[in-house]
């Protein structure tokens, strides 16, 4: 009995939503049309009645328009349900270690951070520059020659003078050269443990400290160590 009531309520809500959309779009809904239709019948000349085929055509047009708005409303409800399910499923990422495209890392107090990269063709003289929130470079890491594929280093959280830096979000850039001296193509990567999910413009985004990780940037997910 409860299920039946729930379904009826949902159907009524869908119908009302479709009628409201129809009213907003064309200025009339099915109730308005029927009132005009009945008024037209009541006021027609009995000696020269309206052509019944025209009435049938008008009713058919109303039915088509109403059906179109009902279908659109149902599709919107279905899309909302799918999005809601997707949003809830992202909670499963919390506590997992993820690798994603990105150039920001979260440095915890007294901790380290993983900085990664992907060189499709390998590179020479690979250098990593780490910047604080003001854009000032606080650490330079020399990696040297790397092979094609993914790699990375562990940043100890210190600056070039060996002093521990304050916890927070830091940015980094990765550069390297090819054998002919030209700049190598590289994709910066981060590996972090997800600690939350936030909504950005209606879309779920994973977070690790102050770093945001869009789902589209994920490359790998595994159990955190």
Protein backbone atom coordinates (compact mmCIF):
# COMPACT_ATOMS: atom_id res chain seq x y z
CA UNK A 1 0.00 0.00 0.00
CA UNK A 2 2.85 2.37 0.79
CA UNK A 3 4.44 1.63 -2.58
CA UNK A 4 1.21 2.38 -4.37
CA UNK A 5 0.85 5.73 -2.64
CA UNK A 6 4.45 6.59 -3.44
CA UNK A 7 4.06 5.77 -7.11
CA UNK A 8 0.84 7.76 -7.40
CA UNK A 9 2.44 10.73 -5.73
CA UNK A 10 5.43 10.54 -8.06
CA UNK A 11 3.17 10.28 -11.12
CA UNK A 12 1.11 13.25 -9.99
CA UNK A 13 4.27 15.26 -9.41
CA UNK A 14 5.54 14.37 -12.88
CA UNK A 15 2.25 15.34 -14.51
CA UNK A 16 2.14 18.63 -12.62
CA UNK A 17 5.75 19.37 -13.58
CA UNK A 18 5.01 18.69 -17.25
CA UNK A 19 1.88 20.85 -17.18
CA UNK A 20 3.82 23.69 -15.54
CA UNK A 21 6.55 23.44 -18.19
CA UNK A 22 3.94 23.47 -20.94
CA UNK A 23 2.26 26.52 -19.37
CA UNK A 24 5.57 28.37 -19.13
CA UNK A 25 6.60 27.50 -22.68
CA UNK A 26 3.44 28.12 -24.74
CA UNK A 27 1.23 29.95 -22.25
CA UNK A 28 -1.35 27.15 -22.08
CA UNK A 29 -1.61 23.75 -20.47
CA UNK A 30 -4.15 20.98 -21.06
CA UNK A 31 -6.67 22.46 -18.58
CA UNK A 32 -6.55 25.84 -20.32
CA UNK A 33 -6.99 24.20 -23.70
CA UNK A 34 -10.01 22.17 -22.57
CA UNK A 35 -11.65 25.27 -21.12
CA UNK A 36 -11.24 27.07 -24.45
CA UNK A 37 -12.43 23.96 -26.28
CA UNK A 38 -15.63 23.72 -24.18
CA UNK A 39 -16.25 27.46 -24.51
CA UNK A 40 -15.89 27.14 -28.26
CA UNK A 41 -18.47 24.32 -28.31
CA UNK A 42 -20.88 26.25 -26.12
CA UNK A 43 -20.72 29.35 -28.28
CA UNK A 44 -20.74 27.88 -31.78
CA UNK A 45 -23.57 28.69 -34.13
CA UNK A 46 -26.00 25.70 -33.97
CA UNK A 47 -26.95 26.37 -37.57
CA UNK A 48 -23.32 26.38 -38.70
CA UNK A 49 -21.44 24.09 -36.28
CA UNK A 50 -17.69 23.74 -36.42
CA UNK A 51 -16.24 20.94 -38.52
CA UNK A 52 -15.81 17.92 -36.22
CA UNK A 53 -12.59 16.97 -38.00
CA UNK A 54 -11.07 20.24 -36.82
CA UNK A 55 -11.97 19.37 -33.24
CA UNK A 56 -10.36 15.97 -33.61
CA UNK A 57 -7.23 17.56 -35.08
CA UNK A 58 -7.00 20.04 -32.22
CA UNK A 59 -7.35 17.26 -29.64
CA UNK A 60 -4.66 15.24 -31.42
CA UNK A 61 -2.28 18.21 -31.38
CA UNK A 62 -2.93 18.75 -27.68
CA UNK A 63 -2.23 15.09 -26.98
CA UNK A 64 1.07 15.22 -28.90
CA UNK A 65 2.24 18.36 -27.13
CA UNK A 66 1.25 16.99 -23.71
CA UNK A 67 3.03 13.71 -24.42
CA UNK A 68 6.18 15.54 -25.48
CA UNK A 69 6.30 17.51 -22.24
CA UNK A 70 5.60 14.38 -20.18
CA UNK A 71 8.45 12.54 -21.93
CA UNK A 72 10.84 15.44 -21.38
CA UNK A 73 9.94 15.61 -17.69
CA UNK A 74 10.41 11.86 -17.24
CA UNK A 75 13.83 12.02 -18.93
CA UNK A 76 14.88 14.88 -16.66
CA UNK A 77 13.78 12.87 -13.61
CA UNK A 78 15.72 9.84 -14.86
CA UNK A 79 18.84 11.93 -15.44
CA UNK A 80 18.58 13.39 -11.94
CA UNK A 81 18.29 9.89 -10.49
CA UNK A 82 21.36 8.71 -12.42
CA UNK A 83 23.38 11.76 -11.34
CA UNK A 84 22.33 11.22 -7.73
CA UNK A 85 23.54 7.62 -7.90
CA UNK A 86 26.85 8.71 -9.39
CA UNK A 87 27.31 11.33 -6.69
CA UNK A 88 26.69 8.78 -3.94
CA UNK A 89 29.07 6.24 -5.49
CA UNK A 90 32.00 8.69 -5.31
CA UNK A 91 31.96 8.34 -1.51
CA UNK A 92 33.56 4.91 -2.06
CA UNK A 93 36.78 6.69 -3.13
CA UNK A 94 37.32 8.09 0.38
CA UNK A 95 40.34 6.41 1.95
CA UNK A 96 41.62 5.12 -1.39
CA UNK A 97 44.95 6.06 -2.98
CA UNK A 98 44.46 7.59 -6.42
CA UNK A 99 46.78 8.60 -9.22
CA UNK A 100 45.47 11.44 -11.35
CA UNK A 101 46.52 14.11 -13.76
CA UNK A 102 47.28 17.26 -11.80
CA UNK A 103 49.99 19.67 -10.76
CA UNK A 104 49.12 20.33 -7.11
CA UNK A 105 50.04 18.39 -3.99
CA UNK A 106 48.93 18.65 -0.39
CA UNK A 107 51.78 18.77 2.11
CA UNK A 108 50.82 17.67 5.62
CA UNK A 109 52.69 18.94 8.67
CA UNK A 110 55.99 17.10 8.89
CA UNK A 111 54.99 14.88 5.95
CA UNK A 112 56.07 14.18 2.40
CA UNK A 113 54.28 14.38 -0.95
CA UNK A 114 54.35 12.29 -4.11
CA UNK A 115 55.10 14.13 -7.35
CA UNK A 116 54.65 12.17 -10.55
CA UNK A 117 55.02 12.57 -14.29
CA UNK A 118 54.44 10.73 -17.53
CA UNK A 119 56.90 11.20 -20.39
CA UNK A 120 55.54 9.41 -23.50
CA UNK A 121 59.01 9.26 -25.08
CA UNK A 122 61.34 9.57 -22.11
CA UNK A 123 63.42 12.69 -21.42
CA UNK A 124 66.80 14.06 -20.37
CA UNK A 125 67.62 16.68 -17.75
CA UNK A 126 64.23 16.35 -16.01
CA UNK A 127 63.68 19.14 -13.48
CA UNK A 128 60.82 19.65 -11.02
CA UNK A 129 60.06 23.11 -9.60
CA UNK A 130 57.74 23.41 -6.58
CA UNK A 131 55.89 26.67 -5.90
CA UNK A 132 54.00 27.89 -2.85
CA UNK A 133 50.59 29.60 -2.89
CA UNK A 134 52.16 32.91 -3.96
CA UNK A 135 53.84 31.34 -6.99
CA UNK A 136 57.32 31.57 -5.49
CA UNK A 137 59.58 28.60 -6.27
CA UNK A 138 60.59 27.03 -2.95
CA UNK A 139 62.28 23.83 -4.11
CA UNK A 140 64.02 22.56 -7.23
CA UNK A 141 64.46 18.82 -7.74
CA UNK A 142 66.83 17.39 -10.33
CA UNK A 143 65.70 13.99 -11.62
CA UNK A 144 68.01 13.57 -14.61
CA UNK A 145 67.25 11.01 -17.31
CA UNK A 146 63.90 9.18 -17.23
CA UNK A 147 62.47 6.40 -19.37
CA UNK A 148 59.20 6.58 -21.27
CA UNK A 149 56.12 6.09 -19.11
CA UNK A 150 55.09 7.04 -15.60
CA UNK A 151 57.58 7.87 -12.88
CA UNK A 152 57.85 10.06 -9.85
CA UNK A 153 59.75 11.24 -6.80
CA UNK A 154 58.97 11.76 -3.15
CA UNK A 155 59.30 15.37 -2.02
CA UNK A 156 60.48 15.58 1.59
CA UNK A 157 58.52 18.77 2.27
CA UNK A 158 61.63 20.95 2.57
CA UNK A 159 62.85 23.98 0.63
CA UNK A 160 66.18 24.39 -1.14
CA UNK A 161 67.82 25.35 2.19
CA UNK A 162 66.67 22.15 3.88
CA UNK A 163 64.05 23.88 6.03
CA UNK A 164 60.67 22.25 6.55
CA UNK A 165 57.90 24.12 4.79
CA UNK A 166 54.49 24.97 6.19
CA UNK A 167 51.69 22.50 5.47
CA UNK A 168 49.33 23.40 2.64
CA UNK A 169 48.78 23.11 -1.09
CA UNK A 170 51.80 23.46 -3.37
CA UNK A 171 52.00 23.54 -7.17
CA UNK A 172 54.72 22.01 -9.30
CA UNK A 173 55.98 21.99 -12.86
CA UNK A 174 57.93 19.24 -14.62
CA UNK A 175 60.26 19.89 -17.54
CA UNK A 176 62.65 17.83 -19.60
CA UNK A 177 64.40 17.80 -22.95
CA UNK A 178 64.60 15.39 -25.87
CA UNK A 179 67.86 14.15 -27.40
CA UNK A 180 67.81 17.02 -29.89
CA UNK A 181 67.41 19.59 -27.11
CA UNK A 182 63.73 20.34 -27.73
CA UNK A 183 61.23 20.39 -24.87
CA UNK A 184 59.84 16.95 -24.01
CA UNK A 185 56.10 16.32 -23.75
CA UNK A 186 55.08 15.55 -20.17
CA UNK A 187 51.90 15.12 -18.11
CA UNK A 188 52.20 16.00 -14.40
CA UNK A 189 50.67 13.43 -12.03
CA UNK A 190 49.78 13.30 -8.36
CA UNK A 191 49.26 10.33 -6.04
CA UNK A 192 47.18 11.09 -2.98
CA UNK A 193 44.76 9.57 -0.50
CA UNK A 194 41.20 10.81 -0.94
CA UNK A 195 39.75 12.32 2.23
CA UNK A 196 36.46 13.73 0.95
CA UNK A 197 34.08 14.54 -1.87
CA UNK A 198 32.80 18.01 -2.69
CA UNK A 199 30.36 19.34 -5.29
CA UNK A 200 31.72 21.80 -7.85
CA UNK A 201 29.12 23.24 -10.26
CA UNK A 202 26.89 20.26 -9.61
CA UNK A 203 29.63 17.67 -10.24
CA UNK A 204 31.37 15.52 -7.58
CA UNK A 205 35.08 16.24 -7.13
CA UNK A 206 37.45 14.24 -4.92
CA UNK A 207 39.59 16.09 -2.39
CA UNK A 208 42.89 15.39 -0.67
CA UNK A 209 43.63 18.12 1.81
CA UNK A 210 43.09 21.30 -0.20
CA UNK A 211 43.69 19.62 -3.57
CA UNK A 212 40.68 18.97 -5.79
CA UNK A 213 40.75 15.96 -8.13
CA UNK A 214 38.06 15.81 -10.85
CA UNK A 215 36.84 12.29 -11.60
CA UNK A 216 37.79 12.77 -15.25
CA UNK A 217 41.46 13.15 -14.22
CA UNK A 218 41.68 9.76 -12.44
CA UNK A 219 44.14 7.27 -13.89
CA UNK A 220 44.35 4.63 -11.14
CA UNK A 221 42.69 3.73 -7.83
CA UNK A 222 43.98 1.30 -5.19
CA UNK A 223 43.85 0.60 -1.49
CA UNK A 224 45.86 3.11 0.53
CA UNK A 225 48.98 1.72 2.16
